[in-house]
Each structure stands twice: as structure tokens, then as C-alpha cells.
PDB file of N, CA and C in Angstrom:
ATOM      1  N   UNK A   1     -27.886  36.095  10.039  1.00  0.00           N
ATOM      2  CA  UNK A   1     -26.472  36.209   9.700  1.00  0.00           C
ATOM      3  C   UNK A   1     -25.413  35.425  10.107  1.00  0.00           C
ATOM      4  N   UNK A   2     -25.922  34.507  10.864  1.00  0.00           N
ATOM      5  CA  UNK A   2     -25.075  33.537  11.559  1.00  0.00           C
ATOM      6  C   UNK A   2     -25.143  32.448  10.365  1.00  0.00           C
ATOM      7  N   UNK A   3     -26.315  32.059   9.660  1.00  0.00           N
ATOM      8  CA  UNK A   3     -26.425  31.163   8.524  1.00  0.00           C
ATOM      9  C   UNK A   3     -24.924  31.420   7.508  1.00  0.00           C
ATOM     10  N   UNK A   4     -24.806  32.765   7.299  1.00  0.00           N
ATOM     11  CA  UNK A   4     -23.982  32.990   6.342  1.00  0.00           C
ATOM     12  C   UNK A   4     -22.255  32.909   6.551  1.00  0.00           C
ATOM     13  N   UNK A   5     -22.354  32.476   8.162  1.00  0.00           N
ATOM     14  CA  UNK A   5     -20.639  32.077   8.158  1.00  0.00           C
ATOM     15  C   UNK A   5     -20.818  30.674   8.176  1.00  0.00           C
ATOM     16  N   UNK A   6     -21.431  29.714   8.222  1.00  0.00           N
ATOM     17  CA  UNK A   6     -21.366  28.541   8.088  1.00  0.00           C
ATOM     18  C   UNK A   6     -21.977  27.864   6.382  1.00  0.00           C
ATOM     19  N   UNK A   7     -22.031  28.762   5.447  1.00  0.00           N
ATOM     20  CA  UNK A   7     -22.211  28.451   4.186  1.00  0.00           C
ATOM     21  C   UNK A   7     -21.189  27.898   3.575  1.00  0.00           C
ATOM     22  N   UNK A   8     -21.296  26.818   2.880  1.00  0.00           N
ATOM     23  CA  UNK A   8     -19.829  26.299   2.151  1.00  0.00           C
ATOM     24  C   UNK A   8     -19.325  27.526   1.142  1.00  0.00           C
ATOM     25  N   UNK A   9     -18.125  26.994   0.813  1.00  0.00           N
ATOM     26  CA  UNK A   9     -17.763  28.362   0.074  1.00  0.00           C
ATOM     27  C   UNK A   9     -17.155  27.195  -1.167  1.00  0.00           C
ATOM     28  N   UNK A  10     -17.026  28.342  -2.289  1.00  0.00           N
ATOM     29  CA  UNK A  10     -16.515  27.476  -3.377  1.00  0.00           C
ATOM     30  C   UNK A  10     -14.967  28.307  -3.532  1.00  0.00           C
ATOM     31  N   UNK A  11     -14.161  27.518  -3.889  1.00  0.00           N
ATOM     32  CA  UNK A  11     -12.686  27.792  -3.908  1.00  0.00           C
ATOM     33  C   UNK A  11     -12.206  27.920  -5.542  1.00  0.00           C
ATOM     34  N   UNK A  12     -12.094  28.969  -5.819  1.00  0.00           N
ATOM     35  CA  UNK A  12     -11.455  29.546  -7.132  1.00  0.00           C
ATOM     36  C   UNK A  12     -10.220  30.279  -6.646  1.00  0.00           C
ATOM     37  N   UNK A  13      -9.118  29.842  -7.380  1.00  0.00           N
ATOM     38  CA  UNK A  13      -8.039  30.519  -7.000  1.00  0.00           C
ATOM     39  C   UNK A  13      -8.067  31.818  -7.140  1.00  0.00           C
ATOM     40  N   UNK A  14      -8.568  32.520  -8.496  1.00  0.00           N
ATOM     41  CA  UNK A  14      -8.365  33.760  -8.721  1.00  0.00           C
ATOM     42  C   UNK A  14      -9.575  34.505  -7.656  1.00  0.00           C
ATOM     43  N   UNK A  15     -10.585  34.205  -7.205  1.00  0.00           N
ATOM     44  CA  UNK A  15     -11.536  34.656  -6.295  1.00  0.00           C
ATOM     45  C   UNK A  15     -11.181  34.402  -4.630  1.00  0.00           C
ATOM     46  N   UNK A  16      -9.815  33.675  -4.802  1.00  0.00           N
ATOM     47  CA  UNK A  16      -9.709  33.404  -2.942  1.00  0.00           C
ATOM     48  C   UNK A  16      -9.123  34.675  -2.726  1.00  0.00           C
ATOM     49  N   UNK A  17      -9.781  34.921  -1.095  1.00  0.00           N
ATOM     50  CA  UNK A  17      -9.030  36.057  -0.202  1.00  0.00           C
ATOM     51  C   UNK A  17      -8.618  35.430   1.092  1.00  0.00           C
ATOM     52  N   UNK A  18      -7.422  35.464   0.875  1.00  0.00           N
ATOM     53  CA  UNK A  18      -6.735  34.909   2.281  1.00  0.00           C
ATOM     54  C   UNK A  18      -6.500  36.141   3.464  1.00  0.00           C
ATOM     55  N   UNK A  19      -6.390  35.409   4.338  1.00  0.00           N
ATOM     56  CA  UNK A  19      -5.865  36.189   5.563  1.00  0.00           C
ATOM     57  C   UNK A  19      -4.276  36.147   5.086  1.00  0.00           C
ATOM     58  N   UNK A  20      -3.492  37.234   5.941  1.00  0.00           N
ATOM     59  CA  UNK A  20      -2.111  37.627   5.336  1.00  0.00           C
ATOM     60  C   UNK A  20      -1.192  36.346   5.838  1.00  0.00           C
ATOM     61  N   UNK A  21      -1.730  35.898   6.948  1.00  0.00           N
ATOM     62  CA  UNK A  21      -0.740  34.696   7.763  1.00  0.00           C
ATOM     63  C   UNK A  21      -1.339  33.422   6.670  1.00  0.00           C
ATOM     64  N   UNK A  22      -2.508  33.215   6.215  1.00  0.00           N
ATOM     65  CA  UNK A  22      -2.665  32.008   5.381  1.00  0.00           C
ATOM     66  C   UNK A  22      -2.112  32.109   3.850  1.00  0.00           C
ATOM     67  N   UNK A  23      -1.930  33.613   3.450  1.00  0.00           N
ATOM     68  CA  UNK A  23      -1.202  33.736   2.407  1.00  0.00           C
ATOM     69  C   UNK A  23       0.219  33.252   2.448  1.00  0.00           C
ATOM     70  N   UNK A  24       1.001  33.762   3.488  1.00  0.00           N
ATOM     71  CA  UNK A  24       2.109  33.548   3.535  1.00  0.00           C
ATOM     72  C   UNK A  24       2.634  32.197   3.673  1.00  0.00           C
ATOM     73  N   UNK A  25       1.612  31.465   4.488  1.00  0.00           N
ATOM     74  CA  UNK A  25       2.052  29.821   4.519  1.00  0.00           C
ATOM     75  C   UNK A  25       1.570  29.288   3.646  1.00  0.00           C
ATOM     76  N   UNK A  26       0.863  29.657   2.440  1.00  0.00           N
ATOM     77  CA  UNK A  26       0.802  28.940   1.338  1.00  0.00           C
ATOM     78  C   UNK A  26       1.741  29.117   0.303  1.00  0.00           C
ATOM     79  N   UNK A  27       2.341  30.336   0.276  1.00  0.00           N
ATOM     80  CA  UNK A  27       3.274  30.850  -0.451  1.00  0.00           C
ATOM     81  C   UNK A  27       4.816  30.106  -0.265  1.00  0.00           C
ATOM     82  N   UNK A  28       5.297  29.854   0.958  1.00  0.00           N
ATOM     83  CA  UNK A  28       6.214  29.432   1.553  1.00  0.00           C
ATOM     84  C   UNK A  28       6.219  27.798   1.207  1.00  0.00           C
ATOM     85  N   UNK A  29       7.495  27.251   0.947  1.00  0.00           N
ATOM     86  CA  UNK A  29       7.531  25.611   0.275  1.00  0.00           C
ATOM     87  C   UNK A  29       8.036  25.052   1.288  1.00  0.00           C
ATOM     88  N   UNK A  30       7.201  23.953   1.556  1.00  0.00           N
ATOM     89  CA  UNK A  30       7.242  23.086   2.614  1.00  0.00           C
ATOM     90  C   UNK A  30       8.872  22.181   2.341  1.00  0.00           C
ATOM     91  N   UNK A  31       9.630  21.943   3.202  1.00  0.00           N
ATOM     92  CA  UNK A  31      10.728  21.379   2.806  1.00  0.00           C
ATOM     93  C   UNK A  31      10.567  19.836   2.367  1.00  0.00           C
ATOM     94  N   UNK A  32      11.174  19.177   1.631  1.00  0.00           N
ATOM     95  CA  UNK A  32      10.847  18.114   0.987  1.00  0.00           C
ATOM     96  C   UNK A  32      11.741  16.917   1.566  1.00  0.00           C
ATOM     97  N   UNK A  33      11.128  15.824   2.264  1.00  0.00           N
ATOM     98  CA  UNK A  33      11.507  14.959   3.223  1.00  0.00           C
ATOM     99  C   UNK A  33      12.333  14.029   2.030  1.00  0.00           C
ATOM    100  N   UNK A  34      13.312  13.270   2.765  1.00  0.00           N
ATOM    101  CA  UNK A  34      14.498  12.289   1.993  1.00  0.00           C
ATOM    102  C   UNK A  34      13.396  11.162   1.701  1.00  0.00           C
ATOM    103  N   UNK A  35      13.493  10.428   0.217  1.00  0.00           N
ATOM    104  CA  UNK A  35      12.801   9.436   0.072  1.00  0.00           C
ATOM    105  C   UNK A  35      13.326   8.345   0.768  1.00  0.00           C
ATOM    106  N   UNK A  36      12.751   7.359   1.105  1.00  0.00           N
ATOM    107  CA  UNK A  36      12.859   6.239   2.035  1.00  0.00           C
ATOM    108  C   UNK A  36      14.169   5.341   0.869  1.00  0.00           C
ATOM    109  N   UNK A  37      13.764   5.490  -0.298  1.00  0.00           N
ATOM    110  CA  UNK A  37      14.517   4.714  -1.068  1.00  0.00           C
ATOM    111  C   UNK A  37      15.725   5.604  -1.785  1.00  0.00           C
ATOM    112  N   UNK A  38      16.923   4.821  -2.235  1.00  0.00           N
ATOM    113  CA  UNK A  38      17.758   5.696  -2.651  1.00  0.00           C
ATOM    114  C   UNK A  38      18.053   4.980  -4.146  1.00  0.00           C
ATOM    115  N   UNK A  39      17.912   5.444  -5.179  1.00  0.00           N
ATOM    116  CA  UNK A  39      18.407   4.704  -6.488  1.00  0.00           C
ATOM    117  C   UNK A  39      19.554   4.903  -6.860  1.00  0.00           C
ATOM    118  N   UNK A  40      19.998   3.847  -7.518  1.00  0.00           N
ATOM    119  CA  UNK A  40      21.418   3.723  -7.884  1.00  0.00           C
ATOM    120  C   UNK A  40      21.638   2.808  -9.248  1.00  0.00           C
ATOM    121  N   UNK A  41      21.919   3.555 -10.060  1.00  0.00           N
ATOM    122  CA  UNK A  41      21.848   2.517 -11.544  1.00  0.00           C
ATOM    123  C   UNK A  41      20.427   2.274 -11.963  1.00  0.00           C
ATOM    124  N   UNK A  42      19.517   3.161 -11.520  1.00  0.00           N
ATOM    125  CA  UNK A  42      17.993   2.367 -11.520  1.00  0.00           C
ATOM    126  C   UNK A  42      17.402   1.573 -10.614  1.00  0.00           C
ATOM    127  N   UNK A  43      17.972   1.102  -9.589  1.00  0.00           N
ATOM    128  CA  UNK A  43      17.478   0.392  -8.793  1.00  0.00           C
ATOM    129  C   UNK A  43      17.426   0.878  -7.598  1.00  0.00           C
ATOM    130  N   UNK A  44      16.319   0.580  -6.787  1.00  0.00           N
ATOM    131  CA  UNK A  44      15.981   1.246  -5.434  1.00  0.00           C
ATOM    132  C   UNK A  44      16.591   0.838  -4.364  1.00  0.00           C
ATOM    133  N   UNK A  45      17.360   1.159  -3.288  1.00  0.00           N
ATOM    134  CA  UNK A  45      17.974   0.615  -2.360  1.00  0.00           C
ATOM    135  C   UNK A  45      17.129   1.512  -0.982  1.00  0.00           C
ATOM    136  N   UNK A  46      17.273   0.634   0.175  1.00  0.00           N
ATOM    137  CA  UNK A  46      17.176   1.109   1.499  1.00  0.00           C
ATOM    138  C   UNK A  46      18.094   2.270   1.725  1.00  0.00           C
ATOM    139  N   UNK A  47      17.437   3.750   1.685  1.00  0.00           N
ATOM    140  CA  UNK A  47      18.150   4.999   2.046  1.00  0.00           C
ATOM    141  C   UNK A  47      19.074   4.647   3.169  1.00  0.00           C
ATOM    142  N   UNK A  48      18.194   4.409   4.452  1.00  0.00           N
ATOM    143  CA  UNK A  48      18.665   4.236   5.602  1.00  0.00           C
ATOM    144  C   UNK A  48      19.976   3.289   5.920  1.00  0.00           C
ATOM    145  N   UNK A  49      19.977   2.238   5.293  1.00  0.00           N
ATOM    146  CA  UNK A  49      20.842   1.266   5.331  1.00  0.00           C
ATOM    147  C   UNK A  49      22.132   1.505   4.427  1.00  0.00           C
ATOM    148  N   UNK A  50      22.161   2.485   3.598  1.00  0.00           N
ATOM    149  CA  UNK A  50      23.230   3.155   2.746  1.00  0.00           C
ATOM    150  C   UNK A  50      23.821   3.970   3.706  1.00  0.00           C
ATOM    151  N   UNK A  51      23.199   4.912   4.030  1.00  0.00           N
ATOM    152  CA  UNK A  51      23.548   5.657   5.149  1.00  0.00           C
ATOM    153  C   UNK A  51      24.407   5.835   5.975  1.00  0.00           C
ATOM    154  N   UNK A  52      24.037   4.541   6.419  1.00  0.00           N
ATOM    155  CA  UNK A  52      24.823   4.074   8.044  1.00  0.00           C
ATOM    156  C   UNK A  52      25.864   3.235   7.345  1.00  0.00           C
ATOM    157  N   UNK A  53      25.890   2.517   6.319  1.00  0.00           N
ATOM    158  CA  UNK A  53      27.205   2.103   5.770  1.00  0.00           C
ATOM    159  C   UNK A  53      28.106   3.144   5.323  1.00  0.00           C
ATOM    160  N   UNK A  54      27.734   4.057   4.682  1.00  0.00           N
ATOM    161  CA  UNK A  54      28.669   5.029   4.584  1.00  0.00           C
ATOM    162  C   UNK A  54      29.288   5.820   5.818  1.00  0.00           C
ATOM    163  N   UNK A  55      28.435   6.309   6.518  1.00  0.00           N
ATOM    164  CA  UNK A  55      28.898   6.690   7.738  1.00  0.00           C
ATOM    165  C   UNK A  55      29.748   5.996   8.763  1.00  0.00           C
ATOM    166  N   UNK A  56      29.576   4.533   8.490  1.00  0.00           N
ATOM    167  CA  UNK A  56      31.038   3.397   8.793  1.00  0.00           C
ATOM    168  C   UNK A  56      31.763   3.609   8.333  1.00  0.00           C
ATOM    169  N   UNK A  57      31.991   4.039   7.087  1.00  0.00           N
ATOM    170  CA  UNK A  57      33.791   4.219   6.445  1.00  0.00           C
ATOM    171  C   UNK A  57      33.977   5.150   6.591  1.00  0.00           C
ATOM    172  N   UNK A  58      33.604   6.399   6.591  1.00  0.00           N
ATOM    173  CA  UNK A  58      33.960   7.813   6.809  1.00  0.00           C
ATOM    174  C   UNK A  58      34.575   7.824   8.074  1.00  0.00           C
ATOM    175  N   UNK A  59      35.271   9.077   8.017  1.00  0.00           N
ATOM    176  CA  UNK A  59      35.918   9.560   9.157  1.00  0.00           C
ATOM    177  C   UNK A  59      37.378   8.849   9.547  1.00  0.00           C
ATOM    178  N   UNK A  60      37.278   8.319  10.753  1.00  0.00           N
ATOM    179  CA  UNK A  60      38.309   7.424  11.435  1.00  0.00           C
ATOM    180  C   UNK A  60      38.387   6.423  11.008  1.00  0.00           C
ATOM    181  N   UNK A  61      39.408   5.810  11.038  1.00  0.00           N
ATOM    182  CA  UNK A  61      39.640   4.149  10.875  1.00  0.00           C
ATOM    183  C   UNK A  61      40.257   3.880   9.652  1.00  0.00           C
ATOM    184  N   UNK A  62      40.267   2.384   9.127  1.00  0.00           N
ATOM    185  CA  UNK A  62      41.063   2.063   8.005  1.00  0.00           C
ATOM    186  C   UNK A  62      39.976   2.387   6.553  1.00  0.00           C
ATOM    187  N   UNK A  63      38.684   2.719   6.551  1.00  0.00           N
ATOM    188  CA  UNK A  63      38.019   2.872   5.644  1.00  0.00           C
ATOM    189  C   UNK A  63      37.059   1.576   5.387  1.00  0.00           C
ATOM    190  N   UNK A  64      37.060   0.423   6.355  1.00  0.00           N
ATOM    191  CA  UNK A  64      36.510  -0.631   6.470  1.00  0.00           C
ATOM    192  C   UNK A  64      35.257  -0.852   7.519  1.00  0.00           C
ATOM    193  N   UNK A  65      34.288  -1.607   6.961  1.00  0.00           N
ATOM    194  CA  UNK A  65      33.249  -1.540   8.302  1.00  0.00           C
ATOM    195  C   UNK A  65      33.886  -2.797   9.313  1.00  0.00           C
ATOM    196  N   UNK A  66      33.641  -2.448  10.547  1.00  0.00           N
ATOM    197  CA  UNK A  66      33.752  -3.071  11.488  1.00  0.00           C
ATOM    198  C   UNK A  66      32.569  -3.892  12.174  1.00  0.00           C
ATOM    199  N   UNK A  67      33.101  -4.792  13.031  1.00  0.00           N
ATOM    200  CA  UNK A  67      31.714  -5.784  13.562  1.00  0.00           C
ATOM    201  C   UNK A  67      30.930  -4.891  14.299  1.00  0.00           C
ATOM    202  N   UNK A  68      31.532  -3.505  14.961  1.00  0.00           N
ATOM    203  CA  UNK A  68      30.409  -2.795  15.431  1.00  0.00           C
ATOM    204  C   UNK A  68      29.416  -1.763  14.254  1.00  0.00           C
ATOM    205  N   UNK A  69      30.494  -1.529  13.166  1.00  0.00           N
ATOM    206  CA  UNK A  69      29.432  -1.114  12.338  1.00  0.00           C
ATOM    207  C   UNK A  69      28.672  -1.877  11.415  1.00  0.00           C
ATOM    208  N   UNK A  70      29.216  -3.132  11.171  1.00  0.00           N
ATOM    209  CA  UNK A  70      28.191  -4.180  10.803  1.00  0.00           C
ATOM    210  C   UNK A  70      26.790  -4.576  11.465  1.00  0.00           C
ATOM    211  N   UNK A  71      26.889  -4.174  12.822  1.00  0.00           N
ATOM    212  CA  UNK A  71      25.680  -4.515  13.628  1.00  0.00           C
ATOM    213  C   UNK A  71      24.752  -3.355  13.500  1.00  0.00           C
ATOM    214  N   UNK A  72      25.459  -2.035  13.422  1.00  0.00           N
ATOM    215  CA  UNK A  72      24.601  -0.912  13.216  1.00  0.00           C
ATOM    216  C   UNK A  72      23.632  -0.885  12.072  1.00  0.00           C
ATOM    217  N   UNK A  73      24.421  -1.357  10.901  1.00  0.00           N
ATOM    218  CA  UNK A  73      23.896  -1.550   9.330  1.00  0.00           C
ATOM    219  C   UNK A  73      22.886  -2.347   9.546  1.00  0.00           C
ATOM    220  N   UNK A  74      23.153  -3.696  10.148  1.00  0.00           N
ATOM    221  CA  UNK A  74      22.303  -4.911   9.958  1.00  0.00           C
ATOM    222  C   UNK A  74      20.768  -4.361  10.926  1.00  0.00           C
ATOM    223  N   UNK A  75      21.104  -3.356  11.909  1.00  0.00           N
ATOM    224  CA  UNK A  75      19.804  -2.978  12.752  1.00  0.00           C
ATOM    225  C   UNK A  75      18.863  -2.374  11.695  1.00  0.00           C
ATOM    226  N   UNK A  76      19.662  -1.504  10.608  1.00  0.00           N
ATOM    227  CA  UNK A  76      18.852  -0.926   9.789  1.00  0.00           C
ATOM    228  C   UNK A  76      18.048  -1.666   8.831  1.00  0.00           C
ATOM    229  N   UNK A  77      18.717  -3.008   8.474  1.00  0.00           N
ATOM    230  CA  UNK A  77      18.132  -3.665   7.568  1.00  0.00           C
ATOM    231  C   UNK A  77      16.935  -4.689   8.086  1.00  0.00           C
ATOM    232  N   UNK A  78      17.194  -5.089   9.280  1.00  0.00           N
ATOM    233  CA  UNK A  78      16.789  -6.248  10.354  1.00  0.00           C
ATOM    234  C   UNK A  78      15.642  -5.434  11.021  1.00  0.00           C
ATOM    235  N   UNK A  79      15.249  -4.145  10.706  1.00  0.00           N
ATOM    236  CA  UNK A  79      14.420  -3.201  11.591  1.00  0.00           C
ATOM    237  C   UNK A  79      12.970  -3.948  11.711  1.00  0.00           C
ATOM    238  N   UNK A  80      12.346  -4.605  11.034  1.00  0.00           N
ATOM    239  CA  UNK A  80      10.910  -4.943  11.159  1.00  0.00           C
ATOM    240  C   UNK A  80      10.827  -6.547  11.511  1.00  0.00           C
ATOM    241  N   UNK A  81       9.678  -7.106  11.035  1.00  0.00           N
ATOM    242  CA  UNK A  81       9.349  -8.401  11.628  1.00  0.00           C
ATOM    243  C   UNK A  81      10.201  -9.571  10.718  1.00  0.00           C
ATOM    244  N   UNK A  82      10.929  -9.109   9.598  1.00  0.00           N
ATOM    245  CA  UNK A  82      11.216 -10.066   8.488  1.00  0.00           C
ATOM    246  C   UNK A  82      11.915  -8.839   7.633  1.00  0.00           C
ATOM    247  N   UNK A  83      12.424  -9.152   6.616  1.00  0.00           N
ATOM    248  CA  UNK A  83      13.426  -8.742   5.571  1.00  0.00           C
ATOM    249  C   UNK A  83      12.956  -8.643   4.257  1.00  0.00           C
ATOM    250  N   UNK A  84      12.661  -7.568   3.789  1.00  0.00           N
ATOM    251  CA  UNK A  84      11.769  -7.265   2.592  1.00  0.00           C
ATOM    252  C   UNK A  84      12.923  -7.756   1.557  1.00  0.00           C
ATOM    253  N   UNK A  85      12.370  -8.031   0.283  1.00  0.00           N
ATOM    254  CA  UNK A  85      13.687  -8.163  -1.100  1.00  0.00           C
ATOM    255  C   UNK A  85      14.266  -6.954  -0.979  1.00  0.00           C
ATOM    256  N   UNK A  86      13.599  -5.798  -0.794  1.00  0.00           N
ATOM    257  CA  UNK A  86      14.689  -4.558  -1.068  1.00  0.00           C
ATOM    258  C   UNK A  86      15.767  -4.758  -0.128  1.00  0.00           C
ATOM    259  N   UNK A  87      15.187  -4.650   1.074  1.00  0.00           N
ATOM    260  CA  UNK A  87      16.271  -4.817   2.120  1.00  0.00           C
ATOM    261  C   UNK A  87      17.510  -5.672   2.205  1.00  0.00           C
ATOM    262  N   UNK A  88      17.250  -6.821   1.593  1.00  0.00           N
ATOM    263  CA  UNK A  88      18.066  -8.002   0.998  1.00  0.00           C
ATOM    264  C   UNK A  88      18.935  -7.695   0.127  1.00  0.00           C
ATOM    265  N   UNK A  89      18.345  -6.817  -1.044  1.00  0.00           N
ATOM    266  CA  UNK A  89      18.843  -6.397  -2.078  1.00  0.00           C
ATOM    267  C   UNK A  89      20.221  -5.222  -1.602  1.00  0.00           C
ATOM    268  N   UNK A  90      19.348  -4.465  -0.709  1.00  0.00           N
ATOM    269  CA  UNK A  90      20.579  -3.396  -0.194  1.00  0.00           C
ATOM    270  C   UNK A  90      21.787  -4.085   0.677  1.00  0.00           C
ATOM    271  N   UNK A  91      21.062  -4.880   1.278  1.00  0.00           N
ATOM    272  CA  UNK A  91      22.404  -5.676   2.325  1.00  0.00           C
ATOM    273  C   UNK A  91      23.328  -6.443   1.348  1.00  0.00           C
ATOM    274  N   UNK A  92      23.257  -7.109   0.425  1.00  0.00           N
ATOM    275  CA  UNK A  92      24.344  -7.293  -0.772  1.00  0.00           C
ATOM    276  C   UNK A  92      24.712  -6.365  -1.484  1.00  0.00           C
ATOM    277  N   UNK A  93      24.232  -5.145  -1.645  1.00  0.00           N
ATOM    278  CA  UNK A  93      24.811  -4.040  -2.418  1.00  0.00           C
ATOM    279  C   UNK A  93      26.054  -3.634  -1.262  1.00  0.00           C
ATOM    280  N   UNK A  94      25.513  -3.598  -0.191  1.00  0.00           N
ATOM    281  CA  UNK A  94      26.650  -2.798   0.596  1.00  0.00           C
ATOM    282  C   UNK A  94      27.334  -4.209   0.859  1.00  0.00           C
ATOM    283  N   UNK A  95      27.398  -4.889   1.181  1.00  0.00           N
ATOM    284  CA  UNK A  95      28.597  -6.057   1.179  1.00  0.00           C
ATOM    285  C   UNK A  95      29.452  -6.611  -0.066  1.00  0.00           C
ATOM    286  N   UNK A  96      28.947  -6.123  -1.586  1.00  0.00           N
ATOM    287  CA  UNK A  96      29.711  -5.929  -2.454  1.00  0.00           C
ATOM    288  C   UNK A  96      30.199  -4.701  -2.884  1.00  0.00           C
ATOM    289  N   UNK A  97      30.052  -3.582  -2.335  1.00  0.00           N
ATOM    290  CA  UNK A  97      30.548  -2.284  -2.346  1.00  0.00           C
ATOM    291  C   UNK A  97      30.917  -1.496  -1.376  1.00  0.00           C
ATOM    292  N   UNK A  98      31.438  -2.223  -0.206  1.00  0.00           N
ATOM    293  CA  UNK A  98      31.683  -1.462   0.959  1.00  0.00           C
ATOM    294  C   UNK A  98      33.032  -2.505   1.368  1.00  0.00           C
ATOM    295  N   UNK A  99      34.114  -1.960   1.443  1.00  0.00           N
ATOM    296  CA  UNK A  99      34.967  -2.916   2.211  1.00  0.00           C
ATOM    297  C   UNK A  99      34.625  -3.330   4.020  1.00  0.00           C
ATOM    298  N   UNK A 100      34.939  -4.754   3.885  1.00  0.00           N
ATOM    299  CA  UNK A 100      34.491  -5.103   5.316  1.00  0.00           C
ATOM    300  C   UNK A 100      35.630  -5.734   5.904  1.00  0.00           C
ATOM    301  N   UNK A 101      36.063  -5.785   7.444  1.00  0.00           N
ATOM    302  CA  UNK A 101      36.787  -6.524   7.942  1.00  0.00           C
ATOM    303  C   UNK A 101      36.519  -8.198   7.836  1.00  0.00           C
ATOM    304  N   UNK A 102      37.026  -9.138   7.956  1.00  0.00           N
ATOM    305  CA  UNK A 102      36.464 -10.451   7.759  1.00  0.00           C
ATOM    306  C   UNK A 102      35.788 -10.625   8.794  1.00  0.00           C
ATOM    307  N   UNK A 103      35.681 -10.276   9.813  1.00  0.00           N
ATOM    308  CA  UNK A 103      34.785 -10.593  11.130  1.00  0.00           C
ATOM    309  C   UNK A 103      33.644 -10.099  10.557  1.00  0.00           C
ATOM    310  N   UNK A 104      33.495  -9.123  10.313  1.00  0.00           N
ATOM    311  CA  UNK A 104      32.407  -8.086  10.136  1.00  0.00           C
ATOM    312  C   UNK A 104      31.886  -8.915   8.838  1.00  0.00           C
ATOM    313  N   UNK A 105      32.390  -9.222   7.681  1.00  0.00           N
ATOM    314  CA  UNK A 105      31.724  -9.866   6.698  1.00  0.00           C
ATOM    315  C   UNK A 105      31.243 -11.113   7.040  1.00  0.00           C
ATOM    316  N   UNK A 106      31.678 -11.984   8.060  1.00  0.00           N
ATOM    317  CA  UNK A 106      31.359 -13.319   8.550  1.00  0.00           C
ATOM    318  C   UNK A 106      30.065 -12.901   9.443  1.00  0.00           C
ATOM    319  N   UNK A 107      29.990 -11.698  10.198  1.00  0.00           N
ATOM    320  CA  UNK A 107      28.469 -11.603  11.217  1.00  0.00           C
ATOM    321  C   UNK A 107      27.610 -11.085  10.304  1.00  0.00           C
ATOM    322  N   UNK A 108      28.061 -10.268   9.156  1.00  0.00           N
ATOM    323  CA  UNK A 108      26.593  -9.913   8.290  1.00  0.00           C
ATOM    324  C   UNK A 108      25.896 -10.641   7.453  1.00  0.00           C
ATOM    325  N   UNK A 109      27.063 -11.419   6.787  1.00  0.00           N
ATOM    326  CA  UNK A 109      26.577 -12.874   6.230  1.00  0.00           C
ATOM    327  C   UNK A 109      25.483 -13.654   7.050  1.00  0.00           C
ATOM    328  N   UNK A 110      26.189 -13.770   8.184  1.00  0.00           N
ATOM    329  CA  UNK A 110      25.499 -14.971   8.938  1.00  0.00           C
ATOM    330  C   UNK A 110      24.295 -14.528   9.624  1.00  0.00           C
ATOM    331  N   UNK A 111      24.111 -13.281   9.978  1.00  0.00           N
ATOM    332  CA  UNK A 111      22.531 -12.536  10.263  1.00  0.00           C
ATOM    333  C   UNK A 111      21.629 -12.790   9.609  1.00  0.00           C
ATOM    334  N   UNK A 112      22.060 -12.263   8.015  1.00  0.00           N
ATOM    335  CA  UNK A 112      21.395 -12.246   6.793  1.00  0.00           C
ATOM    336  C   UNK A 112      20.706 -13.561   6.776  1.00  0.00           C
ATOM    337  N   UNK A 113      21.415 -14.727   6.843  1.00  0.00           N
ATOM    338  CA  UNK A 113      20.994 -15.948   6.427  1.00  0.00           C
ATOM    339  C   UNK A 113      20.207 -16.435   7.398  1.00  0.00           C
ATOM    340  N   UNK A 114      20.082 -15.953   8.748  1.00  0.00           N
ATOM    341  CA  UNK A 114      19.032 -16.220   9.721  1.00  0.00           C
ATOM    342  C   UNK A 114      17.853 -15.576   9.541  1.00  0.00           C
ATOM    343  N   UNK A 115      17.782 -14.152   9.076  1.00  0.00           N
ATOM    344  CA  UNK A 115      16.622 -13.308   8.584  1.00  0.00           C
ATOM    345  C   UNK A 115      15.525 -14.217   7.966  1.00  0.00           C
ATOM    346  N   UNK A 116      14.469 -13.745   8.229  1.00  0.00           N
ATOM    347  CA  UNK A 116      13.047 -14.208   7.639  1.00  0.00           C
ATOM    348  C   UNK A 116      12.733 -13.510   6.526  1.00  0.00           C
ATOM    349  N   UNK A 117      12.098 -13.526   5.429  1.00  0.00           N
ATOM    350  CA  UNK A 117      11.928 -13.228   4.384  1.00  0.00           C
ATOM    351  C   UNK A 117      10.619 -12.736   4.817  1.00  0.00           C
ATOM    352  N   UNK A 118      10.330 -11.487   4.147  1.00  0.00           N
ATOM    353  CA  UNK A 118       8.731 -10.925   4.236  1.00  0.00           C
ATOM    354  C   UNK A 118       8.008 -11.312   3.074  1.00  0.00           C
TER     355      UNK A 118
END
């Protein structure tokens, strides 16, 4: 009898008998996580950096990225030991598609030029 508990099972969907809690768990869908990338016009960009830029221009203020906001965005771009091609592409997309204060532009470009490519 003990050997019957440890015999391998063959799984066939039509023959599967599940406990009610396991059956419920399999029927429920798991929430999908947001992708690391966001595709815009067929090009993949770093979602975290784009979200930081969107948050920077939303809400209070004049709709421009300030120096403090630029530092936050740079933190998402410069989060590893170097900057990947995708992160560079995202940074330049943000620079070209979001309004920056002159000081923030200077900081953003300066820090990107210092970054080492991966």
C-alpha cells in the first residue's frame, strides 16, 4: 500500500482528479506583470524610465522635467554597472519627447555622456 502512494502519476487532462482547492487555483488566472519594455512605434524602450519621465511631467508644475526629476529618471537609466543600448535609446527618446528645463537638459546630457556602455 505504501508503494502505491509513491508511484509516478501520468497526467492526462481528461483523467486528472484534483482536490477542490487545487482545481480552483488552476482555474484562476494569474495577473500578468508589466513587461520590462514598452514598445513605441515598433521600438522597445525601458518602461521604468518612461514611467519616471511621465510621472515627472504630470501633476503639479509647468510640465517640464526639473533637475530633481532628471536625477530620478537618470537613476532608472543608470541603475546597473553600465548603460545598455536600450537604456541609451530610451534616454534619448525621453530627451527628445519630453520638455526639460535648460538645467535639467544639461545635467541629463552630462551624466549620460559619462556613462559607460555595457
